[in-house]
Amino acid sequence: MLQWGANVSPATQNGQWWRLGTAVFLHFGIIHLTLNVWALWDGGQWVERMYGHTRFLLIFITSGLVGNLFSLTFHGVSVVSAGASGGIFGVYGALLSYLWLNRTRVPLIEFRWIFFGAAIFSLLTILFGFLVDGIDNAAHGGGLITGLVLGALLIPRDARQLSPLSLACVTIMASAAIIALWVSLPEPA
């Protein structure tokens, strides 16, 4: 996995920053790949319809990159990580943002079914990560937070419920959080 571009602090922080991206497309076996493909298909079809193809791709890739950055920050040199989970959690975060910001426009039964389904799936997957070794919850959490923020920022104009001032505040806070995360990276080994 290291030769193919998995995310590992000594390599990534010593100039191989491309690993933050390549790790999104690598998986530790067929079960890992199958679960990620299923989760991406399940949430991705909703998010792609809500945000469009380009915004969907931006949410997925950015959440994967930031999730891998979270992994570096929280695990240091102790973890070799790979997988699309950070990006997938970003997709679910965007889905939750869209639904929450449009909760008065979506029929109540559909809102409850999709919103609570996505929230419970995200919560149970993160809880499962605490019980099973080898699951990178830092990447999951980083991707989810990124998706929640991007979901609010990239929501199409016809579905937007945030004022321009609120959007500016979310943008500033998200930018500050990314800078703080970057600054807090542990020293490379």
N, C-alpha and C. Protein backbone atom coordinates (compact mmCIF):
# COMPACT_ATOMS: atom_id res chain seq x y z
N MET A 1 0.83 -1.20 0.00
CA MET A 1 0.00 0.00 0.00
C MET A 1 0.87 1.26 0.00
N LEU A 2 1.99 1.20 0.69
CA LEU A 2 2.87 2.37 0.71
C LEU A 2 3.41 2.68 -0.68
N GLN A 3 3.75 1.65 -1.44
CA GLN A 3 4.27 1.87 -2.78
C GLN A 3 3.21 2.45 -3.71
N TRP A 4 1.95 2.15 -3.47
CA TRP A 4 0.87 2.64 -4.32
C TRP A 4 0.40 4.04 -3.94
N GLY A 5 0.78 4.53 -2.75
CA GLY A 5 0.43 5.89 -2.37
C GLY A 5 -0.46 6.04 -1.16
N ALA A 6 -0.44 5.06 -0.24
CA ALA A 6 -1.22 5.20 0.99
C ALA A 6 -0.71 6.39 1.80
N ASN A 7 -1.56 6.92 2.64
CA ASN A 7 -1.23 8.08 3.46
C ASN A 7 -0.50 7.62 4.72
N VAL A 8 0.73 8.05 4.88
CA VAL A 8 1.52 7.74 6.07
C VAL A 8 2.39 8.96 6.36
N SER A 9 2.39 9.41 7.59
CA SER A 9 3.01 10.68 7.96
C SER A 9 4.45 10.85 7.48
N PRO A 10 5.36 9.91 7.73
CA PRO A 10 6.75 10.17 7.32
C PRO A 10 6.90 10.47 5.83
N ALA A 11 6.16 9.78 5.00
CA ALA A 11 6.26 10.01 3.55
C ALA A 11 5.48 11.25 3.14
N THR A 12 4.24 11.37 3.61
CA THR A 12 3.37 12.48 3.20
C THR A 12 3.96 13.82 3.63
N GLN A 13 4.41 13.92 4.87
CA GLN A 13 4.92 15.18 5.37
C GLN A 13 6.34 15.50 4.92
N ASN A 14 7.00 14.56 4.33
CA ASN A 14 8.35 14.82 3.81
C ASN A 14 8.33 15.03 2.31
N GLY A 15 7.27 15.64 1.81
CA GLY A 15 7.23 16.07 0.43
C GLY A 15 6.31 15.29 -0.49
N GLN A 16 5.76 14.18 -0.05
CA GLN A 16 4.88 13.39 -0.91
C GLN A 16 3.41 13.69 -0.59
N TRP A 17 3.06 14.98 -0.69
CA TRP A 17 1.71 15.42 -0.34
C TRP A 17 0.65 14.84 -1.25
N TRP A 18 1.03 14.36 -2.41
CA TRP A 18 0.08 13.73 -3.32
C TRP A 18 -0.58 12.52 -2.67
N ARG A 19 0.04 11.95 -1.64
CA ARG A 19 -0.53 10.79 -0.94
C ARG A 19 -1.88 11.11 -0.31
N LEU A 20 -2.11 12.38 0.04
CA LEU A 20 -3.43 12.75 0.58
C LEU A 20 -4.53 12.44 -0.43
N GLY A 21 -4.22 12.55 -1.72
CA GLY A 21 -5.20 12.26 -2.77
C GLY A 21 -5.20 10.81 -3.22
N THR A 22 -4.02 10.22 -3.40
CA THR A 22 -3.99 8.83 -3.89
C THR A 22 -4.59 7.87 -2.88
N ALA A 23 -4.43 8.19 -1.60
CA ALA A 23 -4.97 7.29 -0.57
C ALA A 23 -6.48 7.17 -0.64
N VAL A 24 -7.16 8.18 -1.20
CA VAL A 24 -8.62 8.13 -1.33
C VAL A 24 -9.04 6.99 -2.25
N PHE A 25 -8.19 6.63 -3.21
CA PHE A 25 -8.56 5.64 -4.22
C PHE A 25 -7.97 4.26 -3.97
N LEU A 26 -7.24 4.09 -2.87
CA LEU A 26 -6.68 2.78 -2.51
C LEU A 26 -7.53 2.15 -1.42
N HIS A 27 -7.60 0.82 -1.41
CA HIS A 27 -8.38 0.11 -0.40
C HIS A 27 -7.65 -1.13 0.07
N PHE A 28 -7.89 -1.50 1.31
CA PHE A 28 -7.27 -2.67 1.93
C PHE A 28 -8.13 -3.91 1.70
N GLY A 29 -8.26 -4.33 0.47
CA GLY A 29 -8.97 -5.56 0.17
C GLY A 29 -10.34 -5.34 -0.44
N ILE A 30 -10.91 -6.46 -0.89
CA ILE A 30 -12.19 -6.42 -1.62
C ILE A 30 -13.37 -6.04 -0.72
N ILE A 31 -13.33 -6.44 0.55
CA ILE A 31 -14.44 -6.09 1.46
C ILE A 31 -14.44 -4.58 1.71
N HIS A 32 -13.27 -4.02 1.96
CA HIS A 32 -13.13 -2.57 2.17
C HIS A 32 -13.64 -1.82 0.93
N LEU A 33 -13.22 -2.23 -0.23
CA LEU A 33 -13.64 -1.60 -1.48
C LEU A 33 -15.15 -1.73 -1.69
N THR A 34 -15.69 -2.92 -1.47
CA THR A 34 -17.11 -3.17 -1.68
C THR A 34 -17.98 -2.32 -0.75
N LEU A 35 -17.61 -2.24 0.52
CA LEU A 35 -18.38 -1.43 1.47
C LEU A 35 -18.33 0.05 1.10
N ASN A 36 -17.15 0.51 0.66
CA ASN A 36 -17.04 1.92 0.27
C ASN A 36 -17.83 2.21 -1.01
N VAL A 37 -17.80 1.31 -1.97
CA VAL A 37 -18.57 1.50 -3.20
C VAL A 37 -20.05 1.55 -2.88
N TRP A 38 -20.52 0.64 -2.03
CA TRP A 38 -21.93 0.63 -1.65
C TRP A 38 -22.32 1.94 -0.96
N ALA A 39 -21.52 2.37 0.01
CA ALA A 39 -21.85 3.60 0.76
C ALA A 39 -21.83 4.82 -0.16
N LEU A 40 -20.86 4.87 -1.08
CA LEU A 40 -20.79 6.00 -2.01
C LEU A 40 -21.99 5.99 -2.96
N TRP A 41 -22.38 4.84 -3.43
CA TRP A 41 -23.54 4.75 -4.30
C TRP A 41 -24.81 5.16 -3.54
N ASP A 42 -24.94 4.69 -2.30
CA ASP A 42 -26.14 4.94 -1.52
C ASP A 42 -26.34 6.43 -1.24
N GLY A 43 -25.33 7.10 -0.71
CA GLY A 43 -25.46 8.53 -0.42
C GLY A 43 -25.17 9.41 -1.61
N GLY A 44 -24.28 8.93 -2.48
CA GLY A 44 -23.84 9.74 -3.61
C GLY A 44 -24.92 10.04 -4.62
N GLN A 45 -25.83 9.10 -4.83
CA GLN A 45 -26.89 9.36 -5.81
C GLN A 45 -27.77 10.52 -5.37
N TRP A 46 -28.01 10.65 -4.06
CA TRP A 46 -28.81 11.77 -3.55
C TRP A 46 -28.04 13.09 -3.70
N VAL A 47 -26.79 13.07 -3.27
CA VAL A 47 -25.99 14.30 -3.26
C VAL A 47 -25.74 14.78 -4.69
N GLU A 48 -25.51 13.87 -5.60
CA GLU A 48 -25.28 14.27 -6.99
C GLU A 48 -26.53 14.94 -7.58
N ARG A 49 -27.71 14.43 -7.24
CA ARG A 49 -28.95 15.05 -7.71
C ARG A 49 -29.17 16.42 -7.07
N MET A 50 -28.82 16.54 -5.80
CA MET A 50 -29.05 17.79 -5.07
C MET A 50 -28.07 18.90 -5.47
N TYR A 51 -26.80 18.52 -5.68
CA TYR A 51 -25.74 19.52 -5.91
C TYR A 51 -25.25 19.58 -7.35
N GLY A 52 -25.51 18.56 -8.13
CA GLY A 52 -24.97 18.50 -9.49
C GLY A 52 -23.65 17.74 -9.52
N HIS A 53 -23.22 17.37 -10.73
CA HIS A 53 -22.04 16.51 -10.89
C HIS A 53 -20.77 17.17 -10.36
N THR A 54 -20.54 18.43 -10.74
CA THR A 54 -19.29 19.10 -10.39
C THR A 54 -19.18 19.32 -8.88
N ARG A 55 -20.25 19.81 -8.26
CA ARG A 55 -20.22 20.04 -6.81
C ARG A 55 -20.10 18.72 -6.06
N PHE A 56 -20.75 17.69 -6.55
CA PHE A 56 -20.63 16.37 -5.93
C PHE A 56 -19.17 15.93 -5.92
N LEU A 57 -18.52 16.04 -7.07
CA LEU A 57 -17.11 15.65 -7.17
C LEU A 57 -16.23 16.50 -6.26
N LEU A 58 -16.50 17.79 -6.20
CA LEU A 58 -15.74 18.69 -5.32
C LEU A 58 -15.93 18.30 -3.86
N ILE A 59 -17.15 17.99 -3.47
CA ILE A 59 -17.42 17.58 -2.08
C ILE A 59 -16.68 16.28 -1.77
N PHE A 60 -16.77 15.30 -2.65
CA PHE A 60 -16.13 14.00 -2.41
C PHE A 60 -14.61 14.13 -2.31
N ILE A 61 -13.99 14.77 -3.30
CA ILE A 61 -12.52 14.87 -3.33
C ILE A 61 -12.01 15.72 -2.17
N THR A 62 -12.62 16.88 -1.94
CA THR A 62 -12.15 17.76 -0.86
C THR A 62 -12.32 17.09 0.50
N SER A 63 -13.43 16.42 0.72
CA SER A 63 -13.64 15.72 1.99
C SER A 63 -12.64 14.60 2.17
N GLY A 64 -12.31 13.89 1.10
CA GLY A 64 -11.29 12.85 1.18
C GLY A 64 -9.93 13.42 1.54
N LEU A 65 -9.55 14.53 0.90
CA LEU A 65 -8.27 15.16 1.19
C LEU A 65 -8.19 15.67 2.63
N VAL A 66 -9.24 16.38 3.05
CA VAL A 66 -9.25 16.92 4.41
C VAL A 66 -9.34 15.79 5.43
N GLY A 67 -10.10 14.74 5.13
CA GLY A 67 -10.15 13.58 6.02
C GLY A 67 -8.77 12.97 6.21
N ASN A 68 -8.00 12.87 5.13
CA ASN A 68 -6.64 12.35 5.23
C ASN A 68 -5.73 13.30 6.00
N LEU A 69 -5.97 14.60 5.88
CA LEU A 69 -5.22 15.57 6.67
C LEU A 69 -5.55 15.42 8.16
N PHE A 70 -6.81 15.19 8.48
CA PHE A 70 -7.21 14.91 9.87
C PHE A 70 -6.47 13.66 10.37
N SER A 71 -6.40 12.65 9.54
CA SER A 71 -5.72 11.41 9.91
C SER A 71 -4.26 11.68 10.27
N LEU A 72 -3.59 12.47 9.44
CA LEU A 72 -2.19 12.82 9.74
C LEU A 72 -2.08 13.55 11.06
N THR A 73 -2.97 14.49 11.29
CA THR A 73 -2.92 15.31 12.50
C THR A 73 -3.16 14.49 13.76
N PHE A 74 -4.15 13.61 13.72
CA PHE A 74 -4.53 12.90 14.93
C PHE A 74 -3.76 11.61 15.16
N HIS A 75 -3.22 11.01 14.11
CA HIS A 75 -2.52 9.75 14.29
C HIS A 75 -1.01 9.87 14.20
N GLY A 76 -0.50 10.94 13.63
CA GLY A 76 0.94 11.09 13.49
C GLY A 76 1.52 9.95 12.67
N VAL A 77 2.55 9.32 13.19
CA VAL A 77 3.25 8.27 12.44
C VAL A 77 2.69 6.88 12.69
N SER A 78 1.65 6.77 13.49
CA SER A 78 1.19 5.45 13.91
C SER A 78 0.25 4.76 12.94
N VAL A 79 -0.18 5.42 11.86
CA VAL A 79 -1.20 4.83 10.99
C VAL A 79 -0.82 4.96 9.52
N VAL A 80 -1.06 3.88 8.80
CA VAL A 80 -1.03 3.90 7.34
C VAL A 80 -2.48 3.84 6.92
N SER A 81 -2.95 4.89 6.22
CA SER A 81 -4.37 4.92 5.90
C SER A 81 -4.62 4.99 4.40
N ALA A 82 -5.75 4.44 4.02
CA ALA A 82 -6.21 4.45 2.64
C ALA A 82 -7.70 4.18 2.64
N GLY A 83 -8.36 4.60 1.60
CA GLY A 83 -9.79 4.35 1.46
C GLY A 83 -10.55 5.61 1.16
N ALA A 84 -11.73 5.44 0.63
CA ALA A 84 -12.58 6.56 0.22
C ALA A 84 -13.48 7.04 1.36
N SER A 85 -13.32 6.51 2.55
CA SER A 85 -14.25 6.79 3.63
C SER A 85 -14.35 8.26 3.99
N GLY A 86 -13.24 8.99 4.01
CA GLY A 86 -13.30 10.43 4.30
C GLY A 86 -14.17 11.15 3.29
N GLY A 87 -14.00 10.82 2.02
CA GLY A 87 -14.83 11.42 0.97
C GLY A 87 -16.28 11.00 1.08
N ILE A 88 -16.51 9.74 1.43
CA ILE A 88 -17.88 9.23 1.57
C ILE A 88 -18.57 9.92 2.75
N PHE A 89 -17.86 10.07 3.86
CA PHE A 89 -18.45 10.78 4.98
C PHE A 89 -18.73 12.23 4.61
N GLY A 90 -17.90 12.81 3.75
CA GLY A 90 -18.17 14.15 3.26
C GLY A 90 -19.45 14.21 2.45
N VAL A 91 -19.70 13.18 1.65
CA VAL A 91 -20.93 13.10 0.87
C VAL A 91 -22.13 13.03 1.82
N TYR A 92 -22.03 12.21 2.86
CA TYR A 92 -23.12 12.12 3.82
C TYR A 92 -23.29 13.43 4.60
N GLY A 93 -22.19 14.11 4.90
CA GLY A 93 -22.27 15.41 5.56
C GLY A 93 -23.01 16.42 4.69
N ALA A 94 -22.69 16.43 3.38
CA ALA A 94 -23.38 17.35 2.46
C ALA A 94 -24.86 17.00 2.37
N LEU A 95 -25.18 15.71 2.36
CA LEU A 95 -26.57 15.28 2.33
C LEU A 95 -27.31 15.80 3.56
N LEU A 96 -26.69 15.66 4.73
CA LEU A 96 -27.31 16.14 5.97
C LEU A 96 -27.49 17.66 5.94
N SER A 97 -26.48 18.39 5.45
CA SER A 97 -26.58 19.86 5.35
C SER A 97 -27.74 20.26 4.45
N TYR A 98 -27.78 19.65 3.27
CA TYR A 98 -28.83 20.00 2.31
C TYR A 98 -30.22 19.76 2.91
N LEU A 99 -30.39 18.59 3.49
CA LEU A 99 -31.70 18.26 4.04
C LEU A 99 -32.07 19.18 5.21
N TRP A 100 -31.10 19.47 6.08
CA TRP A 100 -31.39 20.31 7.22
C TRP A 100 -31.75 21.73 6.77
N LEU A 101 -30.98 22.25 5.81
CA LEU A 101 -31.23 23.61 5.35
C LEU A 101 -32.51 23.72 4.53
N ASN A 102 -33.02 22.60 4.04
CA ASN A 102 -34.25 22.60 3.25
C ASN A 102 -35.36 21.80 3.92
N ARG A 103 -35.30 21.67 5.21
CA ARG A 103 -36.25 20.82 5.93
C ARG A 103 -37.70 21.29 5.78
N THR A 104 -37.89 22.58 5.52
CA THR A 104 -39.27 23.07 5.33
C THR A 104 -39.76 22.84 3.91
N ARG A 105 -38.86 22.54 2.98
CA ARG A 105 -39.23 22.32 1.58
C ARG A 105 -39.41 20.85 1.24
N VAL A 106 -38.82 19.98 2.05
CA VAL A 106 -38.87 18.54 1.78
C VAL A 106 -40.06 17.96 2.55
N PRO A 107 -40.88 17.14 1.92
CA PRO A 107 -41.98 16.51 2.66
C PRO A 107 -41.46 15.81 3.92
N LEU A 108 -42.18 15.98 5.01
CA LEU A 108 -41.73 15.53 6.32
C LEU A 108 -41.34 14.05 6.34
N ILE A 109 -42.13 13.20 5.74
CA ILE A 109 -41.82 11.77 5.77
C ILE A 109 -40.51 11.47 5.04
N GLU A 110 -40.29 12.15 3.90
CA GLU A 110 -39.04 11.96 3.17
C GLU A 110 -37.87 12.53 3.94
N PHE A 111 -38.04 13.72 4.54
CA PHE A 111 -36.99 14.32 5.35
C PHE A 111 -36.56 13.36 6.45
N ARG A 112 -37.53 12.85 7.19
CA ARG A 112 -37.21 11.95 8.31
C ARG A 112 -36.50 10.70 7.83
N TRP A 113 -37.00 10.09 6.79
CA TRP A 113 -36.44 8.85 6.28
C TRP A 113 -34.99 9.04 5.82
N ILE A 114 -34.75 10.06 5.00
CA ILE A 114 -33.41 10.26 4.44
C ILE A 114 -32.47 10.87 5.47
N PHE A 115 -32.90 11.92 6.17
CA PHE A 115 -32.02 12.60 7.13
C PHE A 115 -31.62 11.67 8.26
N PHE A 116 -32.59 11.04 8.89
CA PHE A 116 -32.25 10.17 10.02
C PHE A 116 -31.52 8.90 9.57
N GLY A 117 -31.82 8.41 8.38
CA GLY A 117 -31.08 7.27 7.85
C GLY A 117 -29.61 7.62 7.66
N ALA A 118 -29.33 8.78 7.07
CA ALA A 118 -27.95 9.22 6.85
C ALA A 118 -27.25 9.50 8.18
N ALA A 119 -27.96 10.13 9.11
CA ALA A 119 -27.35 10.45 10.41
C ALA A 119 -27.05 9.18 11.21
N ILE A 120 -27.97 8.24 11.22
CA ILE A 120 -27.76 6.99 11.95
C ILE A 120 -26.65 6.17 11.31
N PHE A 121 -26.62 6.10 9.98
CA PHE A 121 -25.54 5.39 9.29
C PHE A 121 -24.19 5.99 9.67
N SER A 122 -24.08 7.32 9.64
CA SER A 122 -22.82 7.99 9.96
C SER A 122 -22.42 7.71 11.41
N LEU A 123 -23.35 7.85 12.32
CA LEU A 123 -23.08 7.63 13.74
C LEU A 123 -22.67 6.19 14.02
N LEU A 124 -23.41 5.23 13.48
CA LEU A 124 -23.09 3.82 13.72
C LEU A 124 -21.74 3.44 13.12
N THR A 125 -21.41 3.99 11.96
CA THR A 125 -20.13 3.68 11.34
C THR A 125 -18.99 4.24 12.18
N ILE A 126 -19.15 5.44 12.71
CA ILE A 126 -18.11 6.01 13.57
C ILE A 126 -18.00 5.21 14.87
N LEU A 127 -19.13 4.82 15.46
CA LEU A 127 -19.08 3.99 16.67
C LEU A 127 -18.40 2.65 16.39
N PHE A 128 -18.70 2.05 15.24
CA PHE A 128 -18.06 0.81 14.83
C PHE A 128 -16.55 1.00 14.73
N GLY A 129 -16.13 2.16 14.28
CA GLY A 129 -14.70 2.47 14.17
C GLY A 129 -13.99 2.49 15.51
N PHE A 130 -14.71 2.80 16.58
CA PHE A 130 -14.12 2.77 17.92
C PHE A 130 -13.99 1.34 18.44
N LEU A 131 -14.78 0.44 17.91
CA LEU A 131 -14.79 -0.94 18.38
C LEU A 131 -13.83 -1.85 17.61
N VAL A 132 -13.50 -1.48 16.39
CA VAL A 132 -12.69 -2.33 15.53
C VAL A 132 -11.37 -1.65 15.22
N ASP A 133 -10.27 -2.34 15.46
CA ASP A 133 -8.96 -1.80 15.13
C ASP A 133 -8.81 -1.66 13.62
N GLY A 134 -8.05 -0.67 13.21
CA GLY A 134 -7.74 -0.50 11.80
C GLY A 134 -8.69 0.41 11.05
N ILE A 135 -9.70 0.96 11.72
CA ILE A 135 -10.62 1.89 11.07
C ILE A 135 -10.20 3.30 11.47
N ASP A 136 -10.02 4.15 10.48
CA ASP A 136 -9.49 5.51 10.69
C ASP A 136 -10.62 6.49 10.95
N ASN A 137 -11.05 6.58 12.20
CA ASN A 137 -12.14 7.49 12.55
C ASN A 137 -11.75 8.95 12.39
N ALA A 138 -10.46 9.26 12.45
CA ALA A 138 -10.04 10.65 12.24
C ALA A 138 -10.39 11.07 10.81
N ALA A 139 -10.13 10.21 9.84
CA ALA A 139 -10.49 10.51 8.45
C ALA A 139 -12.00 10.58 8.29
N HIS A 140 -12.73 9.70 8.97
CA HIS A 140 -14.19 9.72 8.91
C HIS A 140 -14.74 11.04 9.45
N GLY A 141 -14.27 11.42 10.63
CA GLY A 141 -14.75 12.65 11.26
C GLY A 141 -14.36 13.89 10.45
N GLY A 142 -13.13 13.91 9.96
CA GLY A 142 -12.70 15.04 9.13
C GLY A 142 -13.50 15.16 7.86
N GLY A 143 -13.79 14.03 7.24
CA GLY A 143 -14.61 14.04 6.03
C GLY A 143 -16.03 14.50 6.31
N LEU A 144 -16.61 14.02 7.41
CA LEU A 144 -17.98 14.40 7.77
C LEU A 144 -18.09 15.90 8.02
N ILE A 145 -17.16 16.44 8.80
CA ILE A 145 -17.17 17.88 9.10
C ILE A 145 -17.01 18.68 7.81
N THR A 146 -16.08 18.25 6.96
CA THR A 146 -15.86 18.94 5.69
C THR A 146 -17.12 18.90 4.83
N GLY A 147 -17.76 17.76 4.76
CA GLY A 147 -19.00 17.64 3.98
C GLY A 147 -20.11 18.51 4.52
N LEU A 148 -20.24 18.58 5.84
CA LEU A 148 -21.26 19.45 6.43
C LEU A 148 -21.04 20.90 6.02
N VAL A 149 -19.78 21.35 6.10
CA VAL A 149 -19.46 22.74 5.75
C VAL A 149 -19.63 22.97 4.25
N LEU A 150 -19.05 22.09 3.43
CA LEU A 150 -19.18 22.26 1.98
C LEU A 150 -20.63 22.16 1.53
N GLY A 151 -21.39 21.30 2.20
CA GLY A 151 -22.81 21.18 1.87
C GLY A 151 -23.54 22.50 2.05
N ALA A 152 -23.19 23.24 3.11
CA ALA A 152 -23.81 24.54 3.34
C ALA A 152 -23.29 25.58 2.34
N LEU A 153 -22.00 25.53 2.03
CA LEU A 153 -21.40 26.53 1.14
C LEU A 153 -21.77 26.33 -0.32
N LEU A 154 -21.89 25.09 -0.76
CA LEU A 154 -22.08 24.80 -2.18
C LEU A 154 -23.53 24.55 -2.56
N ILE A 155 -24.43 24.70 -1.62
CA ILE A 155 -25.83 24.42 -1.91
C ILE A 155 -26.30 25.30 -3.07
N PRO A 156 -26.99 24.74 -4.05
CA PRO A 156 -27.45 25.54 -5.19
C PRO A 156 -28.33 26.72 -4.76
N ARG A 157 -28.24 27.80 -5.51
CA ARG A 157 -28.97 29.04 -5.16
C ARG A 157 -30.46 28.81 -4.95
N ASP A 158 -31.07 28.00 -5.77
CA ASP A 158 -32.51 27.79 -5.64
C ASP A 158 -32.89 27.03 -4.37
N ALA A 159 -31.92 26.40 -3.72
CA ALA A 159 -32.18 25.67 -2.49
C ALA A 159 -31.54 26.34 -1.27
N ARG A 160 -30.88 27.45 -1.48
CA ARG A 160 -30.11 28.10 -0.41
C ARG A 160 -31.04 28.73 0.63
N GLN A 161 -30.74 28.45 1.88
CA GLN A 161 -31.51 29.01 2.99
C GLN A 161 -30.64 29.90 3.88
N LEU A 162 -29.34 30.00 3.58
CA LEU A 162 -28.44 30.82 4.39
C LEU A 162 -28.31 32.22 3.80
N SER A 163 -28.19 33.20 4.67
CA SER A 163 -27.97 34.57 4.21
C SER A 163 -26.53 34.71 3.74
N PRO A 164 -26.23 35.73 2.93
CA PRO A 164 -24.84 35.95 2.52
C PRO A 164 -23.89 36.12 3.71
N LEU A 165 -24.35 36.77 4.78
CA LEU A 165 -23.51 36.95 5.97
C LEU A 165 -23.22 35.60 6.62
N SER A 166 -24.22 34.74 6.71
CA SER A 166 -24.00 33.40 7.28
C SER A 166 -23.03 32.60 6.44
N LEU A 167 -23.17 32.68 5.11
CA LEU A 167 -22.23 31.98 4.22
C LEU A 167 -20.81 32.48 4.41
N ALA A 168 -20.66 33.80 4.56
CA ALA A 168 -19.32 34.37 4.77
C ALA A 168 -18.73 33.88 6.09
N CYS A 169 -19.56 33.82 7.13
CA CYS A 169 -19.07 33.33 8.44
C CYS A 169 -18.65 31.87 8.36
N VAL A 170 -19.45 31.04 7.69
CA VAL A 170 -19.09 29.63 7.54
C VAL A 170 -17.79 29.49 6.76
N THR A 171 -17.62 30.29 5.70
CA THR A 171 -16.41 30.25 4.90
C THR A 171 -15.18 30.63 5.72
N ILE A 172 -15.29 31.69 6.49
CA ILE A 172 -14.16 32.15 7.32
C ILE A 172 -13.82 31.11 8.38
N MET A 173 -14.83 30.56 9.04
CA MET A 173 -14.58 29.55 10.08
C MET A 173 -13.96 28.29 9.49
N ALA A 174 -14.44 27.86 8.33
CA ALA A 174 -13.90 26.67 7.68
C ALA A 174 -12.45 26.90 7.27
N SER A 175 -12.15 28.06 6.72
CA SER A 175 -10.78 28.39 6.32
C SER A 175 -9.86 28.42 7.53
N ALA A 176 -10.32 29.02 8.61
CA ALA A 176 -9.52 29.07 9.84
C ALA A 176 -9.27 27.67 10.40
N ALA A 177 -10.28 26.81 10.32
CA ALA A 177 -10.13 25.44 10.82
C ALA A 177 -9.10 24.67 10.00
N ILE A 178 -9.12 24.82 8.68
CA ILE A 178 -8.15 24.12 7.82
C ILE A 178 -6.74 24.62 8.12
N ILE A 179 -6.58 25.93 8.28
CA ILE A 179 -5.25 26.49 8.60
C ILE A 179 -4.79 25.97 9.95
N ALA A 180 -5.68 25.95 10.94
CA ALA A 180 -5.31 25.43 12.27
C ALA A 180 -4.93 23.96 12.20
N LEU A 181 -5.65 23.20 11.41
CA LEU A 181 -5.33 21.78 11.25
C LEU A 181 -3.95 21.61 10.63
N TRP A 182 -3.69 22.38 9.60
CA TRP A 182 -2.39 22.32 8.91
C TRP A 182 -1.27 22.70 9.86
N VAL A 183 -1.45 23.77 10.63
CA VAL A 183 -0.41 24.23 11.57
C VAL A 183 -0.17 23.22 12.67
N SER A 184 -1.20 22.49 13.06
CA SER A 184 -1.07 21.55 14.19
C SER A 184 -0.55 20.17 13.78
N LEU A 185 -0.19 20.00 12.51
CA LEU A 185 0.38 18.71 12.09
C LEU A 185 1.63 18.40 12.93
N PRO A 186 1.77 17.17 13.37
CA PRO A 186 2.98 16.81 14.12
C PRO A 186 4.20 16.90 13.22
N GLU A 187 5.36 17.07 13.84
CA GLU A 187 6.61 17.11 13.08
C GLU A 187 6.80 15.81 12.33
N PRO A 188 7.23 15.90 11.06
CA PRO A 188 7.46 14.66 10.31
C PRO A 188 8.61 13.86 10.89
N ALA A 189 8.48 12.54 10.81
CA ALA A 189 9.53 11.67 11.33
C ALA A 189 10.68 11.62 10.36
